[in-house]
């Protein structure tokens, strides 16, 4: 990769890693489901009027919108609101690579090789260590919700691979339109209209900056830049940079939020990042009709699991 594109890949990983800190700050302004709804609303508008019509069938747009937008981000934001630390969330969420690989085996009939199986075992060992660390420093419910969010991310990855969108940014913008009304309805039902109205009335420049970052910087810029890189270079060249996301997530959470990083968490990071690297970058033996796709997911869909981490 050219140096400028290497720098861009590192910048996207940093943007997605720091996104967890911004989410944590945003949860001090908004209830989690309302924050997630606002994120997708602002990401979709006005971009949906600029990217043209969807280039895949609506069933894929809706399916990914439900799995990624409603389920994954709803569970992630709720888990962090329940006390899951931002840095640990950025790390645990990477287990999506294991869920994606397992689902790809079942749904896409991809046969994982020995290296990928070893990577899955190592990553799951990392989740076990992270669970031990989370159980000592935070609520179990938050940890479970973030793991469930990673599973939903795996579902959205497989759906995206089936959709094989030719334009990742166009696809992502239209996906962002799907969760807005369902998340608003869930927020009104579960979080209450009084709490939502109070958050909106108290909106200040800090809250506006949070929404702008998670919507435009993390989502629109992040996915647009990542898709640009994947159009210029093989996924095997771009995907390794996604492993920097939890590194930036944990370090920025420590610097900005003052989160401590225990020895157990560092061990979990080594196991998870190493396992995800093996799981994501090892080649899978797939049927010839299986299509490779551009990214989705934060962070998203990968060659096997890691071409896009987007949180």
Foldseek 3Di string as FASTA:
>chain_A
DPPVLVVLLLVLLLLQLCLLVLLLVLVVQAPQLLLLLLLLVVLLPPVLVVLDDFPFDVVLLQLLLCLFRVQLSSLLSNLVNQPDFSLLLLQLLLLLLLLLLVVCCVPQVWADDPLLVVLNVLQVVLLVLSLVVCVVPHDNSSSVSSNSSSNSQSVSQVSCQVRQGPQQLNSLSSSSVNCNVVSVVVCCVPVNPVRRVVSVVPDDPSNVVSSCSSNCVFRNVSQNSLLVVVVVDPLLVSQLSNLCNSVSNNVVCCVPVVDDQDPSNVSSSVSNSSSSCSNQNPDIHGDPVRGAHGADRVCGHGRRRGSHPYD
